Every structure is written in structure tokens, then in C-alpha cells.
Amino acid sequence: MRDYITTLMNSRGSSNFFRPLSLIFTSEEWPSTVFLLVFLLINPLALVELLKEIGRRLLETDSTTTEIMFESLVLPIMVDVIKEYYNKREQVSQIIFSYCLVSSSSRQRFLKKIKEHLSQNLKLFIAILSVVVSFYSEEDFTEDLFNLYFYYAIVALDFPSPVTRAQGLKILNEIVYINYIPVIQIIGKILIEVFLDIFKRKIGEFSKRSMVGSQGFDLDSLQ
């Protein structure tokens, strides 16, 4: 394993990316290393924070190489983890975007790759978007990025699953301050549809009660 990591470190363009791994795999202080690994395994939050910090440090050192290496080697594995452990999607998403620059172009590229790895699993992609959308500040949003989130929020609202619809509403809630006009329009449309649905059901219930009442009414009783 040590020889393998050393080879990766010495390969062109990859030394900065794999240098943190060398602290574990080439360290002579194995007892401390084992203790660290055991601690991280029994403390998932610490492991998440460690991986996020490694990502931030790597981006500071060589952002281009970090993004390329992570995108090609690690991102597919992370997406598989989200597929297998749905309830861990928030923590895994935090790790993924710790290896991505805070720029709309980089994040759009990462999101595109995530969608490619998810294939046709649009429901899971929307779930990830509902988490990742909160990672942005107002300055991070471009028109293209806004349109991407807005589009999938609308798609989510057409799903039969109430969970997915709620995730679509969460996305809208996060992006409303970027451009409130289309968000308000779609929310208004939803409210109208809900009102009409309730109105139709009430009319149906009233009609049924009226029919039952008329069937039980005896005209001979009036004579």
C-alpha cells in the first residue's frame, strides 16, 4: 500500500491531491495512525469534518488538480454511497462540495456529473439538490444556476411522492430571494390548484348529501 501511495504522489499533477493520504499510509507512527482511524470510524461526524477540511486545504493548494482528481476518482464512489445510504446524503454532499470551488461553473459541473452517475434516478437527484441548494450564498447564483434549481423544483412538484414535493418546495424557498417573481408565480399556481381541488371535493360531498336527502324525502307526507 505504501508503494502504491508513493507512486500516486510522484505521478505528474497528483502529488498535492494525494499528499494528505501519505500522512496515514507512509507514517512510521502506526499506533497513532491506528488510533486515529478507529476514532474516525466510531465518530462519523469527525470523519466528515476531517474529509471536508482535507478538501478545503487541497483547493487552497491546487484547485484545478483537486477538482479533476476528485471528480474522476472519488465522486462516483460518493454518489454510490448516497444511493446505498439515503439518510446520509447531507453529510456526503457536504464532503463532495468541499472539493469543489465556490463558483457557479464548478458547482454546475459537479451537479452534472452527479446526475450522470445517478442515471435515471431523478428522485434522488432532487433530494441531493434540496440539500446542496443551502450551500450557496446570494453572490454564488448565476442565472443558469438559478434556472437549474428552479427547473428541478418544478419537476419535483409533479411527483406523486409528498417527500419529493416537499423537497421541491424547499428548493423554491432557498432560491426565492434570488428571483422571487417566477417563484411567487408557481406558488400562486399551486395555491389555486389546491383551492380548486378542495372546492371540487366539497361540492362532491354536498351533492352526495343532497342526493341522499332527496331520496329519503316522502312527498305523500305533505298531503
C-alpha atoms as a PDB file:
ATOM      1  CA  MET A   1       0.000   0.000   0.000  1.00  0.00           C
ATOM      2  CA  ARG A   2       2.841   2.375   0.842  1.00  0.00           C
ATOM      3  CA  ASP A   3       4.464   1.828  -2.544  1.00  0.00           C
ATOM      4  CA  TYR A   4       1.140   2.443  -4.267  1.00  0.00           C
ATOM      5  CA  ILE A   5       0.561   5.746  -2.488  1.00  0.00           C
ATOM      6  CA  THR A   6       4.153   6.814  -3.166  1.00  0.00           C
ATOM      7  CA  THR A   7       3.671   6.128  -6.866  1.00  0.00           C
ATOM      8  CA  LEU A   8       0.499   8.215  -6.885  1.00  0.00           C
ATOM      9  CA  MET A   9       2.253  11.051  -5.096  1.00  0.00           C
ATOM     10  CA  ASN A  10       5.110  11.080  -7.547  1.00  0.00           C
ATOM     11  CA  SER A  11       2.875  10.973 -10.622  1.00  0.00           C
ATOM     12  CA  ARG A  12       2.597  14.206 -12.524  1.00  0.00           C
ATOM     13  CA  GLY A  13      -0.112  16.580 -11.322  1.00  0.00           C
ATOM     14  CA  SER A  14      -1.311  14.346  -8.494  1.00  0.00           C
ATOM     15  CA  SER A  15       1.148  14.960  -5.653  1.00  0.00           C
ATOM     16  CA  ASN A  16      -0.892  17.674  -3.966  1.00  0.00           C
ATOM     17  CA  PHE A  17      -4.072  15.648  -4.163  1.00  0.00           C
ATOM     18  CA  PHE A  18      -2.659  12.514  -2.549  1.00  0.00           C
ATOM     19  CA  ARG A  19      -0.288  14.136  -0.059  1.00  0.00           C
ATOM     20  CA  PRO A  20      -2.823  14.002   2.855  1.00  0.00           C
ATOM     21  CA  LEU A  21      -3.182  10.253   2.301  1.00  0.00           C
ATOM     22  CA  SER A  22       0.548   9.852   2.692  1.00  0.00           C
ATOM     23  CA  LEU A  23       0.271  11.071   6.283  1.00  0.00           C
ATOM     24  CA  ILE A  24      -1.667   7.883   7.030  1.00  0.00           C
ATOM     25  CA  PHE A  25      -0.151   5.309   4.718  1.00  0.00           C
ATOM     26  CA  THR A  26       3.524   6.304   4.928  1.00  0.00           C
ATOM     27  CA  SER A  27       3.626   7.287   8.563  1.00  0.00           C
ATOM     28  CA  GLU A  28       6.074   5.398  10.788  1.00  0.00           C
ATOM     29  CA  GLU A  29       3.911   6.041  13.855  1.00  0.00           C
ATOM     30  CA  TRP A  30       1.422   3.264  13.214  1.00  0.00           C
ATOM     31  CA  PRO A  31      -0.084   3.144  16.741  1.00  0.00           C
ATOM     32  CA  SER A  32      -1.145   6.781  16.486  1.00  0.00           C
ATOM     33  CA  THR A  33      -2.426   6.215  12.980  1.00  0.00           C
ATOM     34  CA  VAL A  34      -4.482   3.192  14.040  1.00  0.00           C
ATOM     35  CA  PHE A  35      -5.910   5.150  16.975  1.00  0.00           C
ATOM     36  CA  LEU A  36      -6.883   7.974  14.619  1.00  0.00           C
ATOM     37  CA  LEU A  37      -8.594   5.591  12.205  1.00  0.00           C
ATOM     38  CA  VAL A  38     -10.533   3.861  14.990  1.00  0.00           C
ATOM     39  CA  PHE A  39     -11.604   7.231  16.403  1.00  0.00           C
ATOM     40  CA  LEU A  40     -12.843   8.356  12.994  1.00  0.00           C
ATOM     41  CA  LEU A  41     -14.741   5.116  12.444  1.00  0.00           C
ATOM     42  CA  ILE A  42     -16.635   5.420  15.724  1.00  0.00           C
ATOM     43  CA  ASN A  43     -17.180   9.168  15.276  1.00  0.00           C
ATOM     44  CA  PRO A  44     -18.701   9.736  11.803  1.00  0.00           C
ATOM     45  CA  LEU A  45     -19.110  13.484  12.326  1.00  0.00           C
ATOM     46  CA  ALA A  46     -15.391  13.829  12.990  1.00  0.00           C
ATOM     47  CA  LEU A  47     -14.673  11.857   9.835  1.00  0.00           C
ATOM     48  CA  VAL A  48     -16.929  14.149   7.804  1.00  0.00           C
ATOM     49  CA  GLU A  49     -15.226  17.240   9.191  1.00  0.00           C
ATOM     50  CA  LEU A  50     -11.782  15.758   8.500  1.00  0.00           C
ATOM     51  CA  LEU A  51     -12.654  14.986   4.870  1.00  0.00           C
ATOM     52  CA  LYS A  52     -14.128  18.463   4.425  1.00  0.00           C
ATOM     53  CA  GLU A  53     -11.005  20.084   5.866  1.00  0.00           C
ATOM     54  CA  ILE A  54      -8.776  17.997   3.573  1.00  0.00           C
ATOM     55  CA  GLY A  55     -10.851  19.211   0.630  1.00  0.00           C
ATOM     56  CA  ARG A  56     -10.511  22.847   1.632  1.00  0.00           C
ATOM     57  CA  ARG A  57      -6.753  22.508   2.088  1.00  0.00           C
ATOM     58  CA  LEU A  58      -6.355  20.780  -1.280  1.00  0.00           C
ATOM     59  CA  LEU A  59      -8.340  23.506  -3.022  1.00  0.00           C
ATOM     60  CA  GLU A  60      -6.088  26.130  -1.479  1.00  0.00           C
ATOM     61  CA  THR A  61      -3.018  24.245  -2.710  1.00  0.00           C
ATOM     62  CA  ASP A  62      -4.112  23.294  -6.234  1.00  0.00           C
ATOM     63  CA  SER A  63      -7.783  23.796  -7.027  1.00  0.00           C
ATOM     64  CA  THR A  64      -7.636  22.600 -10.638  1.00  0.00           C
ATOM     65  CA  THR A  65      -5.938  19.283  -9.873  1.00  0.00           C
ATOM     66  CA  THR A  66      -8.115  18.722  -6.820  1.00  0.00           C
ATOM     67  CA  GLU A  67     -11.342  19.141  -8.758  1.00  0.00           C
ATOM     68  CA  ILE A  68     -10.197  16.975 -11.664  1.00  0.00           C
ATOM     69  CA  MET A  69      -8.890  14.150  -9.473  1.00  0.00           C
ATOM     70  CA  PHE A  70     -11.875  14.174  -7.125  1.00  0.00           C
ATOM     71  CA  GLU A  71     -14.362  14.343  -9.982  1.00  0.00           C
ATOM     72  CA  SER A  72     -12.843  11.391 -11.804  1.00  0.00           C
ATOM     73  CA  LEU A  73     -11.787   9.151  -8.882  1.00  0.00           C
ATOM     74  CA  VAL A  74     -13.891   9.899  -5.819  1.00  0.00           C
ATOM     75  CA  LEU A  75     -17.176  11.437  -6.962  1.00  0.00           C
ATOM     76  CA  PRO A  76     -18.599   8.186  -8.425  1.00  0.00           C
ATOM     77  CA  ILE A  77     -17.892   6.422  -5.123  1.00  0.00           C
ATOM     78  CA  MET A  78     -19.584   9.194  -3.148  1.00  0.00           C
ATOM     79  CA  VAL A  79     -22.668   9.022  -5.358  1.00  0.00           C
ATOM     80  CA  ASP A  80     -22.843   5.257  -4.787  1.00  0.00           C
ATOM     81  CA  VAL A  81     -22.710   5.890  -1.038  1.00  0.00           C
ATOM     82  CA  ILE A  82     -25.695   8.244  -1.332  1.00  0.00           C
ATOM     83  CA  LYS A  83     -27.565   5.604  -3.328  1.00  0.00           C
ATOM     84  CA  GLU A  84     -26.888   2.989  -0.657  1.00  0.00           C
ATOM     85  CA  TYR A  85     -27.363   5.227   2.398  1.00  0.00           C
ATOM     86  CA  TYR A  86     -30.066   7.745   1.521  1.00  0.00           C
ATOM     87  CA  ASN A  87     -30.206   9.200   5.033  1.00  0.00           C
ATOM     88  CA  LYS A  88     -26.502  10.169   4.776  1.00  0.00           C
ATOM     89  CA  ARG A  89     -26.981  12.341   1.683  1.00  0.00           C
ATOM     90  CA  GLU A  90     -26.494  15.615   3.555  1.00  0.00           C
ATOM     91  CA  GLN A  91     -23.143  14.640   5.090  1.00  0.00           C
ATOM     92  CA  VAL A  92     -21.884  13.093   1.842  1.00  0.00           C
ATOM     93  CA  SER A  93     -22.981  16.144  -0.155  1.00  0.00           C
ATOM     94  CA  GLN A  94     -21.036  18.364   2.238  1.00  0.00           C
ATOM     95  CA  ILE A  95     -17.930  16.281   1.604  1.00  0.00           C
ATOM     96  CA  ILE A  96     -18.402  16.340  -2.181  1.00  0.00           C
ATOM     97  CA  PHE A  97     -18.705  20.100  -2.413  1.00  0.00           C
ATOM     98  CA  SER A  98     -15.736  20.634  -0.103  1.00  0.00           C
ATOM     99  CA  TYR A  99     -13.649  19.523  -3.084  1.00  0.00           C
ATOM    100  CA  CYS A 100     -15.349  21.989  -5.417  1.00  0.00           C
ATOM    101  CA  LEU A 101     -14.623  25.695  -5.776  1.00  0.00           C
ATOM    102  CA  VAL A 102     -17.337  28.092  -4.662  1.00  0.00           C
ATOM    103  CA  SER A 103     -18.177  29.128  -8.209  1.00  0.00           C
ATOM    104  CA  SER A 104     -21.288  28.553 -10.266  1.00  0.00           C
ATOM    105  CA  SER A 105     -19.367  26.900 -13.121  1.00  0.00           C
ATOM    106  CA  SER A 106     -17.599  24.389 -10.844  1.00  0.00           C
ATOM    107  CA  ARG A 107     -20.740  23.521  -8.938  1.00  0.00           C
ATOM    108  CA  GLN A 108     -22.808  23.155 -12.088  1.00  0.00           C
ATOM    109  CA  ARG A 109     -20.190  20.775 -13.446  1.00  0.00           C
ATOM    110  CA  PHE A 110     -20.248  18.710 -10.240  1.00  0.00           C
ATOM    111  CA  LEU A 111     -24.049  18.597 -10.300  1.00  0.00           C
ATOM    112  CA  LYS A 112     -23.989  17.482 -13.924  1.00  0.00           C
ATOM    113  CA  LYS A 113     -21.590  14.664 -13.039  1.00  0.00           C
ATOM    114  CA  ILE A 114     -23.747  13.620 -10.098  1.00  0.00           C
ATOM    115  CA  LYS A 115     -26.811  13.452 -12.341  1.00  0.00           C
ATOM    116  CA  GLU A 116     -24.869  11.361 -14.874  1.00  0.00           C
ATOM    117  CA  HIS A 117     -23.851   8.868 -12.177  1.00  0.00           C
ATOM    118  CA  LEU A 118     -27.432   8.694 -10.901  1.00  0.00           C
ATOM    119  CA  SER A 119     -28.634   7.811 -14.412  1.00  0.00           C
ATOM    120  CA  GLN A 120     -32.460   7.937 -14.381  1.00  0.00           C
ATOM    121  CA  ASN A 121     -32.846   8.301 -10.615  1.00  0.00           C
ATOM    122  CA  LEU A 122     -34.339  11.791 -10.786  1.00  0.00           C
ATOM    123  CA  LYS A 123     -35.959  11.441  -7.371  1.00  0.00           C
ATOM    124  CA  LEU A 124     -32.579  11.043  -5.660  1.00  0.00           C
ATOM    125  CA  PHE A 125     -31.054  13.877  -7.683  1.00  0.00           C
ATOM    126  CA  ILE A 126     -33.816  16.210  -6.484  1.00  0.00           C
ATOM    127  CA  ALA A 127     -33.168  15.060  -2.911  1.00  0.00           C
ATOM    128  CA  ILE A 128     -29.487  15.988  -3.323  1.00  0.00           C
ATOM    129  CA  LEU A 129     -30.382  19.365  -4.850  1.00  0.00           C
ATOM    130  CA  SER A 130     -32.624  20.131  -1.872  1.00  0.00           C
ATOM    131  CA  VAL A 131     -29.557  19.695   0.352  1.00  0.00           C
ATOM    132  CA  VAL A 132     -26.916  21.356  -1.821  1.00  0.00           C
ATOM    133  CA  VAL A 133     -29.016  24.464  -2.543  1.00  0.00           C
ATOM    134  CA  SER A 134     -28.467  25.630   1.040  1.00  0.00           C
ATOM    135  CA  PHE A 135     -24.679  25.661   0.496  1.00  0.00           C
ATOM    136  CA  TYR A 136     -24.899  28.817  -1.639  1.00  0.00           C
ATOM    137  CA  SER A 137     -24.922  32.477  -0.828  1.00  0.00           C
ATOM    138  CA  GLU A 138     -26.744  35.023  -2.974  1.00  0.00           C
ATOM    139  CA  GLU A 139     -23.498  36.011  -4.716  1.00  0.00           C
ATOM    140  CA  ASP A 140     -22.881  32.425  -5.862  1.00  0.00           C
ATOM    141  CA  PHE A 141     -26.013  32.240  -8.008  1.00  0.00           C
ATOM    142  CA  THR A 142     -25.897  32.954 -11.721  1.00  0.00           C
ATOM    143  CA  GLU A 143     -28.921  32.930 -13.991  1.00  0.00           C
ATOM    144  CA  ASP A 144     -28.031  29.460 -15.291  1.00  0.00           C
ATOM    145  CA  LEU A 145     -27.634  28.060 -11.789  1.00  0.00           C
ATOM    146  CA  PHE A 146     -30.923  29.601 -10.685  1.00  0.00           C
ATOM    147  CA  ASN A 147     -32.691  28.151 -13.720  1.00  0.00           C
ATOM    148  CA  LEU A 148     -31.279  24.699 -12.956  1.00  0.00           C
ATOM    149  CA  TYR A 149     -32.646  24.695  -9.404  1.00  0.00           C
ATOM    150  CA  PHE A 150     -35.935  26.275 -10.451  1.00  0.00           C
ATOM    151  CA  TYR A 151     -36.470  23.691 -13.190  1.00  0.00           C
ATOM    152  CA  TYR A 152     -35.948  20.697 -10.906  1.00  0.00           C
ATOM    153  CA  ALA A 153     -38.074  22.273  -8.189  1.00  0.00           C
ATOM    154  CA  ILE A 154     -40.958  22.433 -10.667  1.00  0.00           C
ATOM    155  CA  VAL A 155     -40.273  18.840 -11.722  1.00  0.00           C
ATOM    156  CA  ALA A 156     -40.351  17.778  -8.058  1.00  0.00           C
ATOM    157  CA  LEU A 157     -43.791  19.317  -7.549  1.00  0.00           C
ATOM    158  CA  ASP A 158     -45.242  16.956 -10.173  1.00  0.00           C
ATOM    159  CA  PHE A 159     -44.034  13.843  -8.344  1.00  0.00           C
ATOM    160  CA  PRO A 160     -46.657  11.725  -6.546  1.00  0.00           C
ATOM    161  CA  SER A 161     -44.333  11.378  -3.545  1.00  0.00           C
ATOM    162  CA  PRO A 162     -45.107  14.006  -0.853  1.00  0.00           C
ATOM    163  CA  VAL A 163     -41.461  13.834   0.250  1.00  0.00           C
ATOM    164  CA  THR A 164     -40.193  14.794  -3.205  1.00  0.00           C
ATOM    165  CA  ARG A 165     -42.789  17.579  -3.481  1.00  0.00           C
ATOM    166  CA  ALA A 166     -41.661  18.907  -0.107  1.00  0.00           C
ATOM    167  CA  GLN A 167     -38.061  18.883  -1.356  1.00  0.00           C
ATOM    168  CA  GLY A 168     -39.160  20.888  -4.400  1.00  0.00           C
ATOM    169  CA  LEU A 169     -40.766  23.462  -2.096  1.00  0.00           C
ATOM    170  CA  LYS A 170     -37.573  23.591  -0.035  1.00  0.00           C
ATOM    171  CA  ILE A 171     -35.574  24.410  -3.171  1.00  0.00           C
ATOM    172  CA  LEU A 172     -38.034  27.184  -4.062  1.00  0.00           C
ATOM    173  CA  ASN A 173     -37.781  28.553  -0.536  1.00  0.00           C
ATOM    174  CA  GLU A 174     -33.982  28.726  -0.812  1.00  0.00           C
ATOM    175  CA  ILE A 175     -33.903  30.476  -4.199  1.00  0.00           C
ATOM    176  CA  VAL A 176     -36.854  32.838  -3.790  1.00  0.00           C
ATOM    177  CA  TYR A 177     -34.580  35.716  -2.739  1.00  0.00           C
ATOM    178  CA  ILE A 178     -32.584  35.376  -5.986  1.00  0.00           C
ATOM    179  CA  ASN A 179     -35.560  35.967  -8.270  1.00  0.00           C
ATOM    180  CA  TYR A 180     -38.883  35.992  -6.479  1.00  0.00           C
ATOM    181  CA  ILE A 181     -41.165  36.634  -9.473  1.00  0.00           C
ATOM    182  CA  PRO A 182     -41.156  33.117 -11.045  1.00  0.00           C
ATOM    183  CA  VAL A 183     -41.196  31.529  -7.588  1.00  0.00           C
ATOM    184  CA  ILE A 184     -44.221  33.558  -6.480  1.00  0.00           C
ATOM    185  CA  GLN A 185     -45.970  32.737  -9.762  1.00  0.00           C
ATOM    186  CA  ILE A 186     -45.527  28.991  -9.337  1.00  0.00           C
ATOM    187  CA  ILE A 187     -46.532  29.119  -5.653  1.00  0.00           C
ATOM    188  CA  GLY A 188     -49.644  31.097  -6.627  1.00  0.00           C
ATOM    189  CA  LYS A 189     -50.473  28.460  -9.234  1.00  0.00           C
ATOM    190  CA  ILE A 190     -50.085  25.707  -6.626  1.00  0.00           C
ATOM    191  CA  LEU A 191     -52.350  27.515  -4.172  1.00  0.00           C
ATOM    192  CA  ILE A 192     -55.031  27.970  -6.843  1.00  0.00           C
ATOM    193  CA  GLU A 193     -54.848  24.261  -7.741  1.00  0.00           C
ATOM    194  CA  VAL A 194     -55.132  23.275  -4.076  1.00  0.00           C
ATOM    195  CA  PHE A 195     -58.099  25.613  -3.582  1.00  0.00           C
ATOM    196  CA  LEU A 196     -59.891  24.249  -6.671  1.00  0.00           C
ATOM    197  CA  ASP A 197     -59.235  20.670  -5.560  1.00  0.00           C
ATOM    198  CA  ILE A 198     -60.710  21.363  -2.116  1.00  0.00           C
ATOM    199  CA  PHE A 199     -63.651  23.209  -3.685  1.00  0.00           C
ATOM    200  CA  LYS A 200     -64.412  20.293  -6.042  1.00  0.00           C
ATOM    201  CA  ARG A 201     -64.309  17.791  -3.185  1.00  0.00           C
ATOM    202  CA  LYS A 202     -66.636  19.922  -1.063  1.00  0.00           C
ATOM    203  CA  ILE A 203     -69.075  20.251  -3.967  1.00  0.00           C
ATOM    204  CA  GLY A 204     -68.939  16.486  -4.449  1.00  0.00           C
ATOM    205  CA  GLU A 205     -69.663  15.841  -0.771  1.00  0.00           C
ATOM    206  CA  PHE A 206     -72.522  18.356  -0.810  1.00  0.00           C
ATOM    207  CA  SER A 207     -74.025  16.718  -3.914  1.00  0.00           C
ATOM    208  CA  LYS A 208     -73.906  13.284  -2.310  1.00  0.00           C
ATOM    209  CA  ARG A 209     -75.640  14.552   0.844  1.00  0.00           C
ATOM    210  CA  SER A 210     -78.277  16.298  -1.276  1.00  0.00           C
ATOM    211  CA  MET A 211     -78.970  13.100  -3.221  1.00  0.00           C
ATOM    212  CA  VAL A 212     -79.324  11.094  -0.005  1.00  0.00           C
ATOM    213  CA  GLY A 213     -81.672  13.705   1.419  1.00  0.00           C
ATOM    214  CA  SER A 214     -83.881  13.798  -1.662  1.00  0.00           C
ATOM    215  CA  GLN A 215     -84.132  10.003  -1.729  1.00  0.00           C
ATOM    216  CA  GLY A 216     -85.386   9.954   1.849  1.00  0.00           C
ATOM    217  CA  PHE A 217     -87.964  12.716   1.298  1.00  0.00           C
ATOM    218  CA  ASP A 218     -91.594  11.445   1.008  1.00  0.00           C
ATOM    219  CA  LEU A 219     -93.989  13.701  -0.967  1.00  0.00           C
ATOM    220  CA  ASP A 220     -97.025  11.824   0.430  1.00  0.00           C
ATOM    221  CA  SER A 221     -96.173  13.158   3.871  1.00  0.00           C
ATOM    222  CA  LEU A 222     -97.179  16.619   2.710  1.00  0.00           C
ATOM    223  CA  GLN A 223    -100.738  15.547   1.748  1.00  0.00           C
END
